[in-house]
Every structure is written in structure tokens, then in C-alpha cells.
């Protein structure tokens, strides 16, 4: 439960720093997507990671967020602004909050690495409904560095 708290806190923090403009349509939009499908895999050192649970929050205040968790309780969190991640361009994520890795209740943030968004799909109303990409990062927490390679995610709102 603590991880979900940190994920929610993480997403709320990102939203607080985004500039918002009121739309003419004042109808409320849901903040979360209740039904998600997809995959999230990576290689953590020599260990294969495959998420058993994937969550996706499409475009809230300009932020797209995804969370993945495996059977061992290891989690990844992604929170990006669409405008900062052009399609098929490797973006340096060193020292950013765009991606983080959590193990044993310790958050590891990128010291170096890149993330590439290869697909961002929208529905007819312009709402983001899927996100696909790859990443390769070195994360750190209190000097402890972990190489994470062959990272790939493909998340969709059902």
C-alpha cells in the first residue's frame, strides 16, 4: 500500500508543477483509468523483470503516468509530459523524475540513461489511450547504483 501512496504522491507532485488552462468544457474528467492492459519488462543487473500488474493514467494536467509492479514487489513509475518526449527520439532522463525504480521501499532515481517513446495513441477526442517505449538507465539511491537495461513498456487503457 505504501508504494501506491508514493505513486499517488509522485503523480500529484508532477501535476502541481504543470501549468493548467481551463477548457471551455467544464465537465469533469476522470483522473484515473480503471481498466489497463499492457506489459512492462526490463533487465535489472542480470535479473529479468516482468510486471504482473500495470496501471496507466492517461494525460492528467498534461502528465501521462504509468506504474508497474512485479511479484517480488519491485516497481517502476513513469510520469512524463507529452511535449517533453517527441516520438522516436531518445530523451536524456538523468536526474529527472520521468522514471523511477522502487525496491524494498527505497526509490532509485536515474543517474544516467535515456527513454524513447515509440508510440503515443490518442482517441477521437484527443485523450491519450496508449503509450509504448523503451529505456536504459542507471539508477541510484544513497550511492547504490543499479543498471537497468532492455526496458520496454506498452500500456493501454481498455
Protein backbone atom coordinates (compact mmCIF):
# COMPACT_ATOMS: atom_id res chain seq x y z
CA UNK A 1 0.00 0.00 0.00
CA UNK A 2 2.90 2.29 0.78
CA UNK A 3 4.06 2.10 -2.86
CA UNK A 4 0.67 3.23 -4.11
CA UNK A 5 0.84 6.15 -1.69
CA UNK A 6 4.23 7.16 -3.09
CA UNK A 7 2.98 6.72 -6.66
CA UNK A 8 -0.04 8.93 -5.93
CA UNK A 9 2.18 11.47 -4.20
CA UNK A 10 4.57 11.36 -7.16
CA UNK A 11 1.81 11.99 -9.72
CA UNK A 12 0.23 14.74 -7.60
CA UNK A 13 3.63 16.45 -7.27
CA UNK A 14 4.08 16.42 -11.04
CA UNK A 15 0.59 17.83 -11.53
CA UNK A 16 1.27 20.66 -9.09
CA UNK A 17 4.15 21.86 -11.24
CA UNK A 18 2.26 21.75 -14.52
CA UNK A 19 0.60 24.86 -15.85
CA UNK A 20 -3.12 24.36 -16.29
CA UNK A 21 -5.51 26.21 -18.54
CA UNK A 22 -9.26 25.88 -18.14
CA UNK A 23 -11.05 24.43 -21.12
CA UNK A 24 -14.39 25.79 -22.27
CA UNK A 25 -15.94 22.42 -21.45
CA UNK A 26 -16.29 22.37 -17.66
CA UNK A 27 -17.40 18.72 -17.41
CA UNK A 28 -15.18 16.76 -15.03
CA UNK A 29 -12.89 14.13 -16.49
CA UNK A 30 -11.88 11.04 -14.55
CA UNK A 31 -8.38 11.28 -13.07
CA UNK A 32 -7.60 7.58 -13.34
CA UNK A 33 -8.09 4.83 -15.82
CA UNK A 34 -9.70 1.90 -14.05
CA UNK A 35 -9.03 -0.73 -16.70
CA UNK A 36 -5.50 -1.14 -18.04
CA UNK A 37 -3.67 -3.71 -20.09
CA UNK A 38 -0.10 -3.93 -21.20
CA UNK A 39 3.38 -5.09 -20.45
CA UNK A 40 6.46 -3.74 -18.69
CA UNK A 41 9.78 -5.62 -18.84
CA UNK A 42 13.43 -4.84 -18.09
CA UNK A 43 16.72 -6.38 -17.13
CA UNK A 44 17.85 -5.27 -13.65
CA UNK A 45 21.51 -6.18 -13.46
CA UNK A 46 21.37 -9.84 -14.56
CA UNK A 47 17.81 -10.35 -13.30
CA UNK A 48 14.78 -10.33 -15.62
CA UNK A 49 11.88 -8.09 -14.57
CA UNK A 50 8.35 -8.67 -15.80
CA UNK A 51 5.44 -6.76 -14.30
CA UNK A 52 2.46 -8.69 -13.03
CA UNK A 53 0.44 -5.51 -12.53
CA UNK A 54 0.37 -2.46 -14.83
CA UNK A 55 -1.55 0.79 -14.26
CA UNK A 56 -1.94 3.71 -16.66
CA UNK A 57 -3.21 7.23 -16.03
CA UNK A 58 -3.66 8.95 -19.39
CA UNK A 59 -2.95 12.68 -19.61
CA UNK A 60 -3.94 14.35 -16.37
CA UNK A 61 -2.95 18.03 -16.50
CA UNK A 62 -0.59 17.24 -19.38
CA UNK A 63 1.09 14.40 -17.48
CA UNK A 64 0.99 10.78 -18.61
CA UNK A 65 1.72 8.29 -15.83
CA UNK A 66 2.25 4.53 -15.65
CA UNK A 67 3.10 2.16 -12.82
CA UNK A 68 4.33 -1.41 -12.99
CA UNK A 69 4.86 -3.92 -10.18
CA UNK A 70 6.24 -7.47 -10.24
CA UNK A 71 5.53 -10.46 -7.99
CA UNK A 72 8.54 -9.52 -5.79
CA UNK A 73 7.18 -6.04 -5.04
CA UNK A 74 9.65 -4.18 -7.27
CA UNK A 75 8.03 -1.22 -9.01
CA UNK A 76 8.65 1.25 -11.82
CA UNK A 77 6.94 4.62 -12.09
CA UNK A 78 6.84 6.73 -15.24
CA UNK A 79 5.46 10.27 -15.33
CA UNK A 80 6.09 12.33 -18.44
CA UNK A 81 4.83 15.43 -20.19
CA UNK A 82 3.90 14.63 -23.78
CA UNK A 83 5.63 17.77 -25.07
CA UNK A 84 8.96 16.73 -23.49
CA UNK A 85 9.07 13.34 -25.23
CA UNK A 86 8.86 13.55 -29.03
CA UNK A 87 8.10 10.24 -30.74
CA UNK A 88 11.14 8.08 -31.62
CA UNK A 89 13.68 10.42 -30.02
CA UNK A 90 15.89 9.24 -27.13
CA UNK A 91 15.47 11.72 -24.27
CA UNK A 92 18.09 12.02 -21.52
CA UNK A 93 16.36 11.23 -18.23
CA UNK A 94 19.36 11.67 -15.92
CA UNK A 95 18.43 13.33 -12.64
CA UNK A 96 14.78 13.64 -13.67
CA UNK A 97 11.55 12.38 -12.17
CA UNK A 98 10.42 10.91 -15.50
CA UNK A 99 11.16 7.38 -14.37
CA UNK A 100 11.98 5.78 -11.03
CA UNK A 101 12.56 2.29 -9.67
CA UNK A 102 11.43 1.22 -6.19
CA UNK A 103 12.73 -1.82 -4.35
CA UNK A 104 12.49 -2.53 -0.60
CA UNK A 105 10.67 0.81 -0.13
CA UNK A 106 13.69 2.71 -1.49
CA UNK A 107 13.21 4.93 -4.52
CA UNK A 108 16.05 4.92 -7.02
CA UNK A 109 16.17 7.80 -9.50
CA UNK A 110 18.08 7.98 -12.79
CA UNK A 111 21.73 8.98 -12.61
CA UNK A 112 22.07 8.48 -16.36
CA UNK A 113 20.16 6.99 -19.24
CA UNK A 114 17.56 7.57 -21.90
CA UNK A 115 13.89 6.86 -22.55
CA UNK A 116 12.30 6.73 -26.01
CA UNK A 117 8.57 6.94 -26.62
CA UNK A 118 7.86 4.98 -29.81
CA UNK A 119 4.07 5.24 -29.81
CA UNK A 120 1.54 7.54 -28.21
CA UNK A 121 -2.01 6.84 -29.33
CA UNK A 122 -4.99 9.14 -28.86
CA UNK A 123 -8.70 8.53 -29.25
CA UNK A 124 -11.00 10.73 -31.36
CA UNK A 125 -11.40 13.26 -28.55
CA UNK A 126 -7.61 13.63 -28.18
CA UNK A 127 -7.26 11.66 -24.95
CA UNK A 128 -4.12 9.54 -24.75
CA UNK A 129 -5.12 5.88 -24.62
CA UNK A 130 -1.79 4.08 -25.06
CA UNK A 131 1.92 4.60 -24.52
CA UNK A 132 4.79 2.48 -25.76
CA UNK A 133 8.53 2.94 -25.34
CA UNK A 134 11.94 1.72 -24.27
CA UNK A 135 14.52 2.78 -21.70
CA UNK A 136 18.02 2.06 -20.46
CA UNK A 137 19.06 3.74 -17.21
CA UNK A 138 21.42 3.64 -14.27
CA UNK A 139 19.54 4.47 -11.07
CA UNK A 140 20.95 5.40 -7.68
CA UNK A 141 19.92 5.67 -4.06
CA UNK A 142 22.42 6.64 -1.36
CA UNK A 143 25.33 5.82 -3.65
CA UNK A 144 23.97 2.36 -4.54
CA UNK A 145 23.80 2.18 -8.35
CA UNK A 146 21.74 -0.30 -10.36
CA UNK A 147 21.96 -0.74 -14.15
CA UNK A 148 18.57 -1.30 -15.77
CA UNK A 149 18.69 -2.25 -19.43
CA UNK A 150 16.39 -3.65 -22.11
CA UNK A 151 13.46 -1.79 -20.57
CA UNK A 152 10.26 -1.80 -22.59
CA UNK A 153 6.68 -0.83 -21.82
CA UNK A 154 3.42 -0.93 -23.72
CA UNK A 155 0.41 0.24 -21.69
CA UNK A 156 -3.14 0.75 -22.89
CA UNK A 157 -6.40 1.95 -21.48
CA UNK A 158 -9.06 -0.68 -22.22
